[in-house]
Amino acid sequence: MPCFDLIALDADDTLWHNELHYRQTRDEFVRLLAGTAPEQTIIDTLDATEGRNLEVFGFGIKAYTLSLIETSIELTGGKVTGAEVQQIINLARWLLNHEIELLDGVAETLPILASRCRLMLITKGDLLDQERKLARSGLEQYFQEIEIISQKDKASYARLLQRYDLAPERFLMVGNSLRSDILPVMELGGSGVYIPFEITWLHEHAETPPADAHGFYQLHSFSELPVLLSRLDQC
């Protein structure tokens, strides 16, 4: 008998590339403002602005764009031009429309998981953007449930478990963010598989649990998931 009634998967930087594209737009933004401040000052100011805005604007490309514009106003003393704002909007449009690039092993592994487990996609951010990315990814067919939520915290996961009548100990979350994907689920008594991505957004940093922590598993790649699940099913 499988150990889990449902396995939930994060999307950004677990199934497809996301943070690399944000870094590309950030680098373009730094070049745009290169005459106003040193590179690190621009990056630090943007990070601080995003941090302040999370509670107000939430996550996603639209929120990120507002933070870019606010940062440009702050660093230029309000002298940012309409043409420069348009360039920032163009960066956001590129983020919204770029090709979806699946991470290594996802295309081959997800059908295997779907054939043996009930799968849910749980992602946060702008609803329209996440729906479009999922549709363009070609992966929607593998999920029985799809949840796009504004925040991934303990309370949000608790509501999902209640809605789907799931016992925490029968729930497994897979993702690249300790703060959003793993730790809140473990606090509820569920399990988490942490698959680190090469870049972690500043506002997603958290301390890694001990390797022997109950319900915590860490893998190097998505393709290792079927072997881990087979091992857990035999426990």
Protein backbone atom coordinates (compact mmCIF):
# COMPACT_ATOMS: atom_id res chain seq x y z
CA MET A 1 0.00 0.00 0.00
CA PRO A 2 1.41 3.44 -0.91
CA CYS A 3 2.55 5.54 2.04
CA PHE A 4 0.77 8.65 0.76
CA ASP A 5 -2.78 9.35 -0.37
CA LEU A 6 -1.68 12.39 -2.31
CA ILE A 7 1.62 13.80 -3.53
CA ALA A 8 1.75 17.54 -4.17
CA LEU A 9 4.29 19.17 -6.44
CA ASP A 10 5.49 22.75 -6.58
CA ALA A 11 5.83 24.25 -10.07
CA ASP A 12 8.38 27.06 -10.34
CA ASP A 13 11.94 25.72 -10.19
CA THR A 14 10.61 22.26 -9.33
CA LEU A 15 8.96 21.43 -12.66
CA TRP A 16 10.13 24.31 -14.84
CA HIS A 17 12.67 27.13 -14.81
CA ASN A 18 11.57 30.33 -13.13
CA GLU A 19 14.22 32.05 -11.02
CA LEU A 20 16.75 32.08 -13.85
CA HIS A 21 14.33 34.15 -15.91
CA TYR A 22 13.79 36.54 -13.02
CA ARG A 23 17.56 36.90 -12.73
CA GLN A 24 17.77 37.74 -16.42
CA THR A 25 15.23 40.53 -16.01
CA ARG A 26 16.96 41.75 -12.86
CA ASP A 27 20.25 41.95 -14.74
CA GLU A 28 18.55 43.97 -17.49
CA PHE A 29 17.06 46.23 -14.82
CA VAL A 30 20.50 46.79 -13.29
CA ARG A 31 21.83 47.78 -16.71
CA LEU A 32 18.90 50.15 -17.17
CA LEU A 33 19.75 51.97 -13.92
CA ALA A 34 23.53 51.63 -14.18
CA GLY A 35 23.99 55.40 -14.27
CA THR A 36 22.11 56.01 -11.03
CA ALA A 37 23.73 53.67 -8.49
CA PRO A 38 26.27 50.81 -8.13
CA GLU A 39 25.05 47.36 -9.13
CA GLN A 40 24.86 45.98 -5.59
CA THR A 41 22.94 49.04 -4.39
CA ILE A 42 20.35 48.50 -7.13
CA ILE A 43 20.02 44.80 -6.22
CA ASP A 44 19.80 45.49 -2.47
CA THR A 45 17.20 48.23 -3.00
CA LEU A 46 15.11 45.95 -5.19
CA ASP A 47 15.33 43.12 -2.63
CA ALA A 48 14.20 45.48 0.14
CA THR A 49 11.35 46.82 -1.98
CA GLU A 50 10.13 43.32 -2.81
CA GLY A 51 10.27 42.38 0.86
CA ARG A 52 8.12 45.37 1.83
CA ASN A 53 5.64 44.69 -0.95
CA LEU A 54 5.06 40.99 -0.38
CA GLU A 55 2.31 41.53 2.17
CA VAL A 56 0.59 44.06 -0.10
CA PHE A 57 1.11 42.80 -3.65
CA GLY A 58 1.89 39.13 -3.00
CA PHE A 59 3.96 36.99 -5.37
CA GLY A 60 4.21 36.89 -9.14
CA ILE A 61 5.28 38.88 -12.16
CA LYS A 62 2.83 41.75 -11.68
CA ALA A 63 3.99 42.26 -8.09
CA TYR A 64 7.60 42.05 -9.25
CA THR A 65 6.98 44.67 -11.93
CA LEU A 66 5.54 47.10 -9.39
CA SER A 67 8.63 46.58 -7.23
CA LEU A 68 10.88 47.26 -10.23
CA ILE A 69 9.06 50.51 -10.97
CA GLU A 70 9.07 51.59 -7.31
CA THR A 71 12.79 50.84 -7.06
CA SER A 72 13.50 52.88 -10.18
CA ILE A 73 11.57 55.84 -8.72
CA GLU A 74 13.51 55.59 -5.45
CA LEU A 75 16.94 55.32 -7.02
CA THR A 76 16.39 58.12 -9.54
CA GLY A 77 14.77 60.46 -7.04
CA GLY A 78 11.56 60.35 -9.03
CA LYS A 79 13.29 61.21 -12.30
CA VAL A 80 12.73 57.87 -14.06
CA THR A 81 11.37 58.58 -17.54
CA GLY A 82 8.30 57.22 -19.25
CA ALA A 83 10.57 55.45 -21.74
CA GLU A 84 12.42 53.73 -18.90
CA VAL A 85 9.14 52.64 -17.28
CA GLN A 86 8.15 51.21 -20.66
CA GLN A 87 11.39 49.22 -20.73
CA ILE A 88 10.52 47.78 -17.31
CA ILE A 89 7.06 46.84 -18.58
CA ASN A 90 8.70 45.17 -21.57
CA LEU A 91 10.80 43.09 -19.18
CA ALA A 92 7.62 41.98 -17.43
CA ARG A 93 6.00 41.13 -20.75
CA TRP A 94 8.99 38.96 -21.63
CA LEU A 95 8.65 37.14 -18.30
CA LEU A 96 5.00 36.48 -19.03
CA ASN A 97 5.55 35.15 -22.53
CA HIS A 98 8.89 33.32 -22.53
CA GLU A 99 9.01 29.66 -23.48
CA ILE A 100 8.44 27.19 -20.64
CA GLU A 101 11.60 25.16 -20.04
CA LEU A 102 11.10 21.98 -18.03
CA LEU A 103 13.81 21.00 -15.57
CA ASP A 104 15.90 17.91 -16.26
CA GLY A 105 14.04 14.68 -15.68
CA VAL A 106 10.56 16.20 -15.32
CA ALA A 107 9.17 15.14 -18.71
CA GLU A 108 10.30 11.54 -18.19
CA THR A 109 9.47 11.22 -14.47
CA LEU A 110 6.08 12.91 -14.13
CA PRO A 111 4.20 10.25 -16.19
CA ILE A 112 5.71 7.56 -13.94
CA LEU A 113 4.51 9.38 -10.82
CA ALA A 114 1.05 9.96 -12.29
CA SER A 115 0.68 6.25 -13.07
CA ARG A 116 1.18 5.27 -9.43
CA CYS A 117 0.06 8.28 -7.33
CA ARG A 118 -2.67 10.86 -7.06
CA LEU A 119 -0.94 14.12 -7.91
CA MET A 120 -1.72 17.71 -7.00
CA LEU A 121 -0.01 20.84 -8.29
CA ILE A 122 0.33 23.54 -5.63
CA THR A 123 1.83 26.84 -6.70
CA LYS A 124 1.60 30.44 -5.57
CA GLY A 125 1.57 33.70 -7.46
CA ASP A 126 -0.59 35.44 -10.00
CA LEU A 127 -3.52 33.22 -11.01
CA LEU A 128 -3.54 34.05 -14.73
CA ASP A 129 0.24 33.76 -15.07
CA GLN A 130 0.41 30.38 -13.33
CA GLU A 131 -2.54 29.02 -15.31
CA ARG A 132 -0.87 30.09 -18.56
CA LYS A 133 2.46 28.54 -17.60
CA LEU A 134 0.80 25.26 -16.69
CA ALA A 135 -1.14 25.19 -19.96
CA ARG A 136 2.01 25.91 -22.00
CA SER A 137 4.05 23.35 -20.08
CA GLY A 138 2.03 20.39 -21.36
CA LEU A 139 1.96 18.89 -17.84
CA GLU A 140 -1.63 19.63 -16.83
CA GLN A 141 -2.81 16.15 -17.83
CA TYR A 142 -0.83 14.53 -15.02
CA PHE A 143 -2.58 16.30 -12.13
CA GLN A 144 -5.87 15.30 -10.56
CA GLU A 145 -5.95 18.51 -8.52
CA ILE A 146 -4.55 21.99 -9.18
CA GLU A 147 -4.29 24.69 -6.52
CA ILE A 148 -2.96 28.19 -7.22
CA ILE A 149 -2.83 30.07 -3.94
CA SER A 150 -1.61 33.46 -2.75
CA GLN A 151 0.60 32.12 0.03
CA LYS A 152 2.13 28.77 0.94
CA ASP A 153 2.24 28.71 4.71
CA LYS A 154 1.05 26.45 7.50
CA ALA A 155 -2.47 27.88 7.52
CA SER A 156 -2.83 27.52 3.74
CA TYR A 157 -1.73 23.88 3.79
CA ALA A 158 -4.03 23.17 6.73
CA ARG A 159 -6.99 24.51 4.74
CA LEU A 160 -6.04 22.37 1.74
CA LEU A 161 -5.75 19.24 3.86
CA GLN A 162 -9.16 19.92 5.35
CA ARG A 163 -10.74 20.66 1.98
CA TYR A 164 -9.49 17.38 0.49
CA ASP A 165 -10.04 15.40 3.70
CA LEU A 166 -6.38 14.40 3.90
CA ALA A 167 -4.53 13.25 6.99
CA PRO A 168 -1.22 15.16 7.26
CA GLU A 169 0.77 11.96 7.71
CA ARG A 170 -0.58 10.73 4.35
CA PHE A 171 0.44 13.91 2.51
CA LEU A 172 3.77 14.50 0.75
CA MET A 173 4.91 17.85 -0.67
CA VAL A 174 7.73 18.11 -3.21
CA GLY A 175 9.44 21.41 -3.92
CA ASN A 176 12.54 23.56 -4.11
CA SER A 177 11.69 26.00 -1.30
CA LEU A 178 12.19 25.02 2.31
CA ARG A 179 10.21 28.05 3.50
CA SER A 180 7.19 27.56 1.23
CA ASP A 181 7.12 23.88 0.28
CA ILE A 182 8.70 21.84 3.04
CA LEU A 183 8.73 23.37 6.52
CA PRO A 184 5.01 24.34 6.74
CA VAL A 185 3.97 20.81 5.72
CA MET A 186 6.33 19.22 8.23
CA GLU A 187 4.92 21.48 10.98
CA LEU A 188 1.50 19.98 10.26
CA GLY A 189 2.82 16.42 10.51
CA GLY A 190 3.23 15.84 6.79
CA SER A 191 6.32 14.97 4.78
CA GLY A 192 8.41 16.97 2.38
CA VAL A 193 10.89 16.20 -0.40
CA TYR A 194 13.33 19.04 -0.87
CA ILE A 195 14.96 19.29 -4.31
CA PRO A 196 17.21 22.37 -4.20
CA PHE A 197 17.49 24.56 -7.27
CA GLU A 198 20.75 26.31 -8.13
CA ILE A 199 19.27 29.71 -7.26
CA THR A 200 17.08 30.45 -4.25
CA TRP A 201 15.18 33.73 -4.08
CA LEU A 202 16.30 35.82 -1.10
CA HIS A 203 12.83 35.80 0.44
CA GLU A 204 12.61 31.99 0.30
CA HIS A 205 15.75 31.22 2.33
CA ALA A 206 15.33 29.02 5.42
CA GLU A 207 17.45 26.69 7.49
CA THR A 208 17.60 23.10 6.27
CA PRO A 209 16.24 20.54 8.77
CA PRO A 210 18.59 17.81 9.99
CA ALA A 211 18.94 14.96 7.50
CA ASP A 212 17.28 12.57 9.96
CA ALA A 213 14.31 14.84 10.74
CA HIS A 214 11.04 12.89 10.60
CA GLY A 215 9.29 13.35 7.26
CA PHE A 216 12.18 15.20 5.61
CA TYR A 217 13.86 13.93 2.45
CA GLN A 218 16.35 15.63 0.15
CA LEU A 219 17.12 14.67 -3.44
CA HIS A 220 19.51 15.95 -6.06
CA SER A 221 17.06 15.74 -8.95
CA PHE A 222 13.39 15.23 -9.80
CA SER A 223 14.17 11.95 -11.53
CA GLU A 224 15.09 10.38 -8.17
CA LEU A 225 11.51 10.63 -6.89
CA PRO A 226 10.19 7.23 -8.09
CA VAL A 227 13.03 5.38 -6.34
CA LEU A 228 12.41 7.29 -3.10
CA LEU A 229 8.68 6.57 -3.24
CA SER A 230 9.31 2.88 -3.84
CA ARG A 231 11.58 2.78 -0.82
CA LEU A 232 9.05 4.60 1.38
CA ASP A 233 6.21 2.33 0.25
CA GLN A 234 8.14 -0.63 1.65
CA CYS A 235 8.54 0.92 5.11
